[in-house]
Amino acid sequence: MRRRLAAKTSAEEGRGGVMRLKDLPPEERPRERLLEVGPEKLSTAELIAILLGSGIRGRSALHLAQEILAQSGSLRKLLDQGVAGLERIPGVKRAKAVQLVAALELGRRLWREMREARPVVTSAAEAAALLLEELRHRPVEHFVVLVLDTRHHVLDLVHLAVGTADEALVSPREVFAEVLRRRGRKVILAHNHPSGDPTPSAEDVLLTRRLVEAGKLLDVEVVDHIVVGADGYVSLRESGRW
């Protein structure tokens, strides 16, 4: 009876010795930080700690995640190790290794899917091909932006403003907040003219110049501004309007 009681007490002490995320101070808990500030603000170690869930005796999940990263060197090398390689890291059991490999593989597949799905826009004609059907039949003005990466892959098409039959008001702050939120490095501006005539107005040219200058301050290149009409478009860059 004493042996069984001693064994039970020892097991309870073992469980108590495992440091869990909820044992950390609130400001150091990765799960709470993710909910508070978003996943993009967390370090790689914090994200791994969330996947691990708990640490081992004397070390929290965050400390264990930091050790895993230090031994692996990078996420790519972490994935290359596979389950067997991760199990050789002290404190990483098979279940945790499987979770890490599965999460990294999902990330790799997402990256591949996004690369395959993202069109490349290197000319006004290619931009217009994406924008004409989106804008030309709108009864009021819509101002949108194509957010691009450094290689001109489209990251997103963002609707910024809906206006009246003859104007849609936007500010540089609105435009570049959306571009930077998506980690864009280039942007193509676009809006429609419900009248059907895509000829840029003086206000269109003035707005474009303001946005070009604002983009320079933020190291975001304004590649073009496309005005869409009923049956065509005008590129402000190609038409030499700035």
C-alpha atoms as a PDB file:
ATOM      1  CA  MET A   1       0.000   0.000   0.000  1.00  0.00           C
ATOM      2  CA  ARG A   2       2.821   2.370   0.886  1.00  0.00           C
ATOM      3  CA  ARG A   3       4.571   1.603  -2.391  1.00  0.00           C
ATOM      4  CA  ARG A   4       1.434   2.390  -4.395  1.00  0.00           C
ATOM      5  CA  LEU A   5       0.919   5.629  -2.476  1.00  0.00           C
ATOM      6  CA  ALA A   6       4.551   6.615  -2.990  1.00  0.00           C
ATOM      7  CA  ALA A   7       4.299   5.880  -6.700  1.00  0.00           C
ATOM      8  CA  LYS A   8       1.150   7.999  -6.965  1.00  0.00           C
ATOM      9  CA  THR A   9       2.784  10.890  -5.133  1.00  0.00           C
ATOM     10  CA  SER A  10       5.822  10.685  -7.391  1.00  0.00           C
ATOM     11  CA  ALA A  11       3.611  10.772 -10.500  1.00  0.00           C
ATOM     12  CA  GLU A  12       1.741  13.800  -9.212  1.00  0.00           C
ATOM     13  CA  GLU A  13       5.029  15.590  -8.555  1.00  0.00           C
ATOM     14  CA  GLY A  14       6.141  14.750 -12.088  1.00  0.00           C
ATOM     15  CA  ARG A  15       3.017  16.270 -13.569  1.00  0.00           C
ATOM     16  CA  GLY A  16       3.389  19.272 -11.336  1.00  0.00           C
ATOM     17  CA  GLY A  17       6.963  19.748 -12.488  1.00  0.00           C
ATOM     18  CA  VAL A  18       5.950  20.169 -16.138  1.00  0.00           C
ATOM     19  CA  MET A  19       5.816  23.858 -16.970  1.00  0.00           C
ATOM     20  CA  ARG A  20       2.688  24.759 -18.918  1.00  0.00           C
ATOM     21  CA  LEU A  21       1.970  27.930 -20.873  1.00  0.00           C
ATOM     22  CA  LYS A  22      -0.620  28.988 -18.316  1.00  0.00           C
ATOM     23  CA  ASP A  23       2.074  28.832 -15.607  1.00  0.00           C
ATOM     24  CA  LEU A  24       3.901  31.740 -17.268  1.00  0.00           C
ATOM     25  CA  PRO A  25       3.161  35.379 -16.388  1.00  0.00           C
ATOM     26  CA  PRO A  26       0.250  36.687 -18.540  1.00  0.00           C
ATOM     27  CA  GLU A  27       2.501  38.947 -20.634  1.00  0.00           C
ATOM     28  CA  GLU A  28       4.673  35.944 -21.573  1.00  0.00           C
ATOM     29  CA  ARG A  29       1.895  33.551 -22.588  1.00  0.00           C
ATOM     30  CA  PRO A  30       2.005  33.093 -26.375  1.00  0.00           C
ATOM     31  CA  ARG A  31      -1.661  32.133 -26.709  1.00  0.00           C
ATOM     32  CA  GLU A  32      -2.835  35.232 -24.882  1.00  0.00           C
ATOM     33  CA  ARG A  33      -0.417  37.411 -26.846  1.00  0.00           C
ATOM     34  CA  LEU A  34      -1.699  36.000 -30.136  1.00  0.00           C
ATOM     35  CA  LEU A  35      -5.269  36.879 -29.177  1.00  0.00           C
ATOM     36  CA  GLU A  36      -4.208  40.338 -28.057  1.00  0.00           C
ATOM     37  CA  VAL A  37      -1.823  41.453 -30.817  1.00  0.00           C
ATOM     38  CA  GLY A  38      -2.313  38.921 -33.649  1.00  0.00           C
ATOM     39  CA  PRO A  39      -0.103  36.059 -34.901  1.00  0.00           C
ATOM     40  CA  GLU A  40       2.114  38.287 -37.055  1.00  0.00           C
ATOM     41  CA  LYS A  41       3.435  40.024 -33.911  1.00  0.00           C
ATOM     42  CA  LEU A  42       4.613  36.804 -32.262  1.00  0.00           C
ATOM     43  CA  SER A  43       8.121  35.441 -32.596  1.00  0.00           C
ATOM     44  CA  THR A  44       8.701  32.100 -34.307  1.00  0.00           C
ATOM     45  CA  ALA A  45       9.506  30.569 -30.920  1.00  0.00           C
ATOM     46  CA  GLU A  46       6.185  31.769 -29.500  1.00  0.00           C
ATOM     47  CA  LEU A  47       4.250  30.227 -32.386  1.00  0.00           C
ATOM     48  CA  ILE A  48       6.083  26.925 -31.917  1.00  0.00           C
ATOM     49  CA  ALA A  49       5.350  27.080 -28.183  1.00  0.00           C
ATOM     50  CA  ILE A  50       1.626  27.299 -28.940  1.00  0.00           C
ATOM     51  CA  LEU A  51       1.906  24.124 -31.020  1.00  0.00           C
ATOM     52  CA  LEU A  52       3.832  22.358 -28.263  1.00  0.00           C
ATOM     53  CA  GLY A  53       1.229  23.306 -25.670  1.00  0.00           C
ATOM     54  CA  SER A  54       3.387  22.379 -22.681  1.00  0.00           C
ATOM     55  CA  GLY A  55       7.036  22.052 -21.836  1.00  0.00           C
ATOM     56  CA  ILE A  56       8.934  19.504 -19.819  1.00  0.00           C
ATOM     57  CA  ARG A  57      10.021  19.378 -16.214  1.00  0.00           C
ATOM     58  CA  GLY A  58      11.759  22.644 -15.378  1.00  0.00           C
ATOM     59  CA  ARG A  59      11.285  24.205 -18.837  1.00  0.00           C
ATOM     60  CA  SER A  60       8.251  25.932 -20.301  1.00  0.00           C
ATOM     61  CA  ALA A  61       6.964  25.333 -23.820  1.00  0.00           C
ATOM     62  CA  LEU A  62       8.504  28.672 -24.797  1.00  0.00           C
ATOM     63  CA  HIS A  63      11.943  27.672 -23.509  1.00  0.00           C
ATOM     64  CA  LEU A  64      11.645  24.329 -25.281  1.00  0.00           C
ATOM     65  CA  ALA A  65      10.613  26.075 -28.510  1.00  0.00           C
ATOM     66  CA  GLN A  66      13.661  28.339 -28.282  1.00  0.00           C
ATOM     67  CA  GLU A  67      15.916  25.303 -27.861  1.00  0.00           C
ATOM     68  CA  ILE A  68      14.299  23.561 -30.842  1.00  0.00           C
ATOM     69  CA  LEU A  69      14.937  26.608 -33.023  1.00  0.00           C
ATOM     70  CA  ALA A  70      18.498  27.003 -31.766  1.00  0.00           C
ATOM     71  CA  GLN A  71      19.332  23.388 -32.584  1.00  0.00           C
ATOM     72  CA  SER A  72      17.558  23.387 -35.959  1.00  0.00           C
ATOM     73  CA  GLY A  73      18.739  26.769 -37.195  1.00  0.00           C
ATOM     74  CA  SER A  74      15.666  27.550 -39.337  1.00  0.00           C
ATOM     75  CA  LEU A  75      12.103  26.446 -40.017  1.00  0.00           C
ATOM     76  CA  ARG A  76      13.196  24.862 -43.285  1.00  0.00           C
ATOM     77  CA  LYS A  77      15.789  22.724 -41.501  1.00  0.00           C
ATOM     78  CA  LEU A  78      13.212  21.943 -38.835  1.00  0.00           C
ATOM     79  CA  LEU A  79      10.889  20.524 -41.488  1.00  0.00           C
ATOM     80  CA  ASP A  80      13.726  18.619 -43.151  1.00  0.00           C
ATOM     81  CA  GLN A  81      14.528  16.824 -39.894  1.00  0.00           C
ATOM     82  CA  GLY A  82      11.188  15.058 -39.904  1.00  0.00           C
ATOM     83  CA  VAL A  83       9.659  13.332 -36.908  1.00  0.00           C
ATOM     84  CA  ALA A  84      12.690  11.136 -36.252  1.00  0.00           C
ATOM     85  CA  GLY A  85      15.073  14.084 -36.189  1.00  0.00           C
ATOM     86  CA  LEU A  86      12.859  16.143 -33.901  1.00  0.00           C
ATOM     87  CA  GLU A  87      12.540  13.252 -31.463  1.00  0.00           C
ATOM     88  CA  ARG A  88      16.291  13.427 -30.919  1.00  0.00           C
ATOM     89  CA  ILE A  89      15.917  16.895 -29.392  1.00  0.00           C
ATOM     90  CA  PRO A  90      15.650  16.541 -25.595  1.00  0.00           C
ATOM     91  CA  GLY A  91      12.083  17.095 -24.450  1.00  0.00           C
ATOM     92  CA  VAL A  92      10.434  16.513 -27.841  1.00  0.00           C
ATOM     93  CA  LYS A  93       8.329  13.367 -27.768  1.00  0.00           C
ATOM     94  CA  ARG A  94       6.705  11.775 -30.796  1.00  0.00           C
ATOM     95  CA  ALA A  95       3.321  13.509 -30.403  1.00  0.00           C
ATOM     96  CA  LYS A  96       4.933  16.962 -30.289  1.00  0.00           C
ATOM     97  CA  ALA A  97       7.230  16.108 -33.199  1.00  0.00           C
ATOM     98  CA  VAL A  98       4.249  14.996 -35.310  1.00  0.00           C
ATOM     99  CA  GLN A  99       2.369  18.226 -34.506  1.00  0.00           C
ATOM    100  CA  LEU A 100       5.336  20.372 -35.524  1.00  0.00           C
ATOM    101  CA  VAL A 101       5.949  18.515 -38.776  1.00  0.00           C
ATOM    102  CA  ALA A 102       2.239  18.665 -39.683  1.00  0.00           C
ATOM    103  CA  ALA A 103       2.079  22.430 -39.022  1.00  0.00           C
ATOM    104  CA  LEU A 104       5.230  23.118 -41.044  1.00  0.00           C
ATOM    105  CA  GLU A 105       3.969  20.990 -43.923  1.00  0.00           C
ATOM    106  CA  LEU A 106       0.679  22.918 -43.955  1.00  0.00           C
ATOM    107  CA  GLY A 107       2.659  26.156 -44.143  1.00  0.00           C
ATOM    108  CA  ARG A 108       4.714  24.809 -47.048  1.00  0.00           C
ATOM    109  CA  ARG A 109       1.584  23.746 -48.928  1.00  0.00           C
ATOM    110  CA  LEU A 110      -0.066  27.121 -48.308  1.00  0.00           C
ATOM    111  CA  TRP A 111       3.004  28.903 -49.703  1.00  0.00           C
ATOM    112  CA  ARG A 112       2.967  26.689 -52.807  1.00  0.00           C
ATOM    113  CA  GLU A 113      -0.774  27.204 -53.278  1.00  0.00           C
ATOM    114  CA  MET A 114      -0.427  30.970 -53.021  1.00  0.00           C
ATOM    115  CA  ARG A 115       2.503  31.035 -55.447  1.00  0.00           C
ATOM    116  CA  GLU A 116       0.535  29.032 -57.995  1.00  0.00           C
ATOM    117  CA  ALA A 117      -2.638  31.107 -57.594  1.00  0.00           C
ATOM    118  CA  ARG A 118      -1.112  34.599 -57.701  1.00  0.00           C
ATOM    119  CA  PRO A 119      -1.032  36.200 -61.150  1.00  0.00           C
ATOM    120  CA  VAL A 120       1.896  38.358 -62.214  1.00  0.00           C
ATOM    121  CA  VAL A 121       1.126  41.882 -63.446  1.00  0.00           C
ATOM    122  CA  THR A 122       3.887  43.619 -65.396  1.00  0.00           C
ATOM    123  CA  SER A 123       1.888  45.858 -67.746  1.00  0.00           C
ATOM    124  CA  ALA A 124      -1.206  48.026 -67.865  1.00  0.00           C
ATOM    125  CA  ALA A 125      -2.872  45.479 -70.151  1.00  0.00           C
ATOM    126  CA  GLU A 126      -2.361  42.691 -67.611  1.00  0.00           C
ATOM    127  CA  ALA A 127      -3.708  44.887 -64.820  1.00  0.00           C
ATOM    128  CA  ALA A 128      -6.706  45.872 -66.927  1.00  0.00           C
ATOM    129  CA  ALA A 129      -7.464  42.215 -67.632  1.00  0.00           C
ATOM    130  CA  LEU A 130      -7.973  41.731 -63.890  1.00  0.00           C
ATOM    131  CA  LEU A 131      -9.849  44.980 -63.356  1.00  0.00           C
ATOM    132  CA  LEU A 132     -12.206  45.502 -66.304  1.00  0.00           C
ATOM    133  CA  GLU A 133     -14.901  43.027 -65.308  1.00  0.00           C
ATOM    134  CA  GLU A 134     -14.510  44.059 -61.680  1.00  0.00           C
ATOM    135  CA  LEU A 135     -15.178  47.741 -62.328  1.00  0.00           C
ATOM    136  CA  ARG A 136     -16.657  48.691 -65.677  1.00  0.00           C
ATOM    137  CA  HIS A 137     -20.318  47.935 -64.929  1.00  0.00           C
ATOM    138  CA  ARG A 138     -20.407  49.659 -61.539  1.00  0.00           C
ATOM    139  CA  PRO A 139     -23.060  52.417 -61.369  1.00  0.00           C
ATOM    140  CA  VAL A 140     -20.929  54.554 -59.025  1.00  0.00           C
ATOM    141  CA  GLU A 141     -17.196  55.084 -58.699  1.00  0.00           C
ATOM    142  CA  HIS A 142     -15.180  52.378 -56.955  1.00  0.00           C
ATOM    143  CA  PHE A 143     -11.544  52.937 -56.027  1.00  0.00           C
ATOM    144  CA  VAL A 144      -9.469  49.761 -55.710  1.00  0.00           C
ATOM    145  CA  VAL A 145      -5.808  48.847 -55.435  1.00  0.00           C
ATOM    146  CA  LEU A 146      -3.859  45.849 -56.684  1.00  0.00           C
ATOM    147  CA  VAL A 147      -1.251  45.114 -54.027  1.00  0.00           C
ATOM    148  CA  LEU A 148       1.940  43.586 -55.464  1.00  0.00           C
ATOM    149  CA  ASP A 149       5.130  42.106 -54.088  1.00  0.00           C
ATOM    150  CA  THR A 150       8.587  43.012 -55.380  1.00  0.00           C
ATOM    151  CA  ARG A 151       8.211  40.573 -58.297  1.00  0.00           C
ATOM    152  CA  HIS A 152       4.808  41.920 -59.316  1.00  0.00           C
ATOM    153  CA  HIS A 153       2.813  38.965 -57.975  1.00  0.00           C
ATOM    154  CA  VAL A 154      -0.677  40.086 -56.973  1.00  0.00           C
ATOM    155  CA  LEU A 155      -1.090  39.783 -53.214  1.00  0.00           C
ATOM    156  CA  ASP A 156      -4.619  41.161 -53.047  1.00  0.00           C
ATOM    157  CA  LEU A 157      -7.281  43.273 -54.721  1.00  0.00           C
ATOM    158  CA  VAL A 158      -8.602  45.731 -52.148  1.00  0.00           C
ATOM    159  CA  HIS A 159     -11.761  47.824 -52.475  1.00  0.00           C
ATOM    160  CA  LEU A 160     -10.991  51.089 -50.713  1.00  0.00           C
ATOM    161  CA  ALA A 161     -13.840  53.456 -51.456  1.00  0.00           C
ATOM    162  CA  VAL A 162     -17.276  53.623 -53.012  1.00  0.00           C
ATOM    163  CA  GLY A 163     -18.371  57.058 -54.131  1.00  0.00           C
ATOM    164  CA  THR A 164     -21.008  58.770 -56.215  1.00  0.00           C
ATOM    165  CA  ALA A 165     -21.618  58.787 -59.937  1.00  0.00           C
ATOM    166  CA  ASP A 166     -18.597  61.018 -60.465  1.00  0.00           C
ATOM    167  CA  GLU A 167     -16.158  60.608 -57.563  1.00  0.00           C
ATOM    168  CA  ALA A 168     -14.786  58.248 -54.901  1.00  0.00           C
ATOM    169  CA  LEU A 169     -12.730  59.913 -52.198  1.00  0.00           C
ATOM    170  CA  VAL A 170      -9.575  58.241 -50.864  1.00  0.00           C
ATOM    171  CA  SER A 171      -6.627  59.447 -48.817  1.00  0.00           C
ATOM    172  CA  PRO A 172      -2.969  58.391 -49.028  1.00  0.00           C
ATOM    173  CA  ARG A 173      -3.194  57.072 -45.481  1.00  0.00           C
ATOM    174  CA  GLU A 174      -6.041  54.706 -46.402  1.00  0.00           C
ATOM    175  CA  VAL A 175      -4.264  53.462 -49.508  1.00  0.00           C
ATOM    176  CA  PHE A 176      -0.888  52.730 -47.956  1.00  0.00           C
ATOM    177  CA  ALA A 177      -2.288  51.346 -44.712  1.00  0.00           C
ATOM    178  CA  GLU A 178      -3.899  48.566 -46.753  1.00  0.00           C
ATOM    179  CA  VAL A 179      -0.772  48.013 -48.856  1.00  0.00           C
ATOM    180  CA  LEU A 180       1.527  47.770 -45.836  1.00  0.00           C
ATOM    181  CA  ARG A 181      -0.935  45.575 -43.956  1.00  0.00           C
ATOM    182  CA  ARG A 182      -0.540  43.049 -46.777  1.00  0.00           C
ATOM    183  CA  ARG A 183       3.240  43.559 -46.882  1.00  0.00           C
ATOM    184  CA  GLY A 184       3.067  44.923 -50.398  1.00  0.00           C
ATOM    185  CA  ARG A 185       6.000  46.706 -52.019  1.00  0.00           C
ATOM    186  CA  LYS A 186       4.219  47.982 -55.139  1.00  0.00           C
ATOM    187  CA  VAL A 187       0.667  49.067 -55.889  1.00  0.00           C
ATOM    188  CA  ILE A 188      -1.526  49.670 -58.922  1.00  0.00           C
ATOM    189  CA  LEU A 189      -4.344  52.150 -58.365  1.00  0.00           C
ATOM    190  CA  ALA A 190      -7.610  51.807 -60.243  1.00  0.00           C
ATOM    191  CA  HIS A 191     -11.080  53.259 -60.386  1.00  0.00           C
ATOM    192  CA  ASN A 192     -13.990  53.332 -62.797  1.00  0.00           C
ATOM    193  CA  HIS A 193     -15.845  56.142 -64.535  1.00  0.00           C
ATOM    194  CA  PRO A 194     -19.557  55.266 -64.499  1.00  0.00           C
ATOM    195  CA  SER A 195     -20.045  57.629 -67.445  1.00  0.00           C
ATOM    196  CA  GLY A 196     -18.267  55.013 -69.557  1.00  0.00           C
ATOM    197  CA  ASP A 197     -15.484  57.389 -70.660  1.00  0.00           C
ATOM    198  CA  PRO A 198     -12.131  56.303 -69.160  1.00  0.00           C
ATOM    199  CA  THR A 199     -10.378  59.609 -69.877  1.00  0.00           C
ATOM    200  CA  PRO A 200      -8.630  60.665 -66.630  1.00  0.00           C
ATOM    201  CA  SER A 201      -9.832  63.894 -65.065  1.00  0.00           C
ATOM    202  CA  ALA A 202      -7.586  66.617 -63.665  1.00  0.00           C
ATOM    203  CA  GLU A 203      -8.534  65.352 -60.193  1.00  0.00           C
ATOM    204  CA  ASP A 204      -7.447  61.817 -61.147  1.00  0.00           C
ATOM    205  CA  VAL A 205      -4.034  63.106 -62.207  1.00  0.00           C
ATOM    206  CA  LEU A 206      -3.634  65.217 -59.065  1.00  0.00           C
ATOM    207  CA  LEU A 207      -4.569  62.309 -56.783  1.00  0.00           C
ATOM    208  CA  THR A 208      -2.141  60.022 -58.597  1.00  0.00           C
ATOM    209  CA  ARG A 209       0.731  62.456 -58.147  1.00  0.00           C
ATOM    210  CA  ARG A 210      -0.054  62.802 -54.437  1.00  0.00           C
ATOM    211  CA  LEU A 211      -0.058  59.031 -54.004  1.00  0.00           C
ATOM    212  CA  VAL A 212       3.177  58.621 -55.968  1.00  0.00           C
ATOM    213  CA  GLU A 213       4.929  61.091 -53.658  1.00  0.00           C
ATOM    214  CA  ALA A 214       3.453  59.503 -50.527  1.00  0.00           C
ATOM    215  CA  GLY A 215       4.567  56.081 -51.735  1.00  0.00           C
ATOM    216  CA  LYS A 216       8.156  57.265 -52.101  1.00  0.00           C
ATOM    217  CA  LEU A 217       8.228  58.200 -48.419  1.00  0.00           C
ATOM    218  CA  LEU A 218       7.091  54.679 -47.485  1.00  0.00           C
ATOM    219  CA  ASP A 219       9.249  52.870 -50.067  1.00  0.00           C
ATOM    220  CA  VAL A 220       6.134  51.634 -51.890  1.00  0.00           C
ATOM    221  CA  GLU A 221       6.151  52.122 -55.660  1.00  0.00           C
ATOM    222  CA  VAL A 222       2.981  53.303 -57.366  1.00  0.00           C
ATOM    223  CA  VAL A 223       3.272  51.347 -60.607  1.00  0.00           C
ATOM    224  CA  ASP A 224       0.255  52.768 -62.431  1.00  0.00           C
ATOM    225  CA  HIS A 225      -3.234  54.184 -62.140  1.00  0.00           C
ATOM    226  CA  ILE A 226      -5.824  52.525 -64.369  1.00  0.00           C
ATOM    227  CA  VAL A 227      -9.085  54.304 -65.173  1.00  0.00           C
ATOM    228  CA  VAL A 228     -11.758  51.891 -66.376  1.00  0.00           C
ATOM    229  CA  GLY A 229     -14.627  52.804 -68.698  1.00  0.00           C
ATOM    230  CA  ALA A 230     -17.443  50.853 -70.291  1.00  0.00           C
ATOM    231  CA  ASP A 231     -15.363  49.431 -73.129  1.00  0.00           C
ATOM    232  CA  GLY A 232     -11.756  50.088 -72.237  1.00  0.00           C
ATOM    233  CA  TYR A 233      -9.239  51.709 -69.960  1.00  0.00           C
ATOM    234  CA  VAL A 234      -6.562  54.390 -69.789  1.00  0.00           C
ATOM    235  CA  SER A 235      -3.217  53.948 -68.048  1.00  0.00           C
ATOM    236  CA  LEU A 236      -2.008  57.204 -66.538  1.00  0.00           C
ATOM    237  CA  ARG A 237       1.586  56.005 -66.719  1.00  0.00           C
ATOM    238  CA  GLU A 238       1.448  54.872 -70.341  1.00  0.00           C
ATOM    239  CA  SER A 239      -0.375  58.042 -71.364  1.00  0.00           C
ATOM    240  CA  GLY A 240       2.340  60.156 -69.723  1.00  0.00           C
ATOM    241  CA  ARG A 241       0.085  61.906 -67.241  1.00  0.00           C
ATOM    242  CA  TRP A 242       2.633  61.847 -64.416  1.00  0.00           C
END
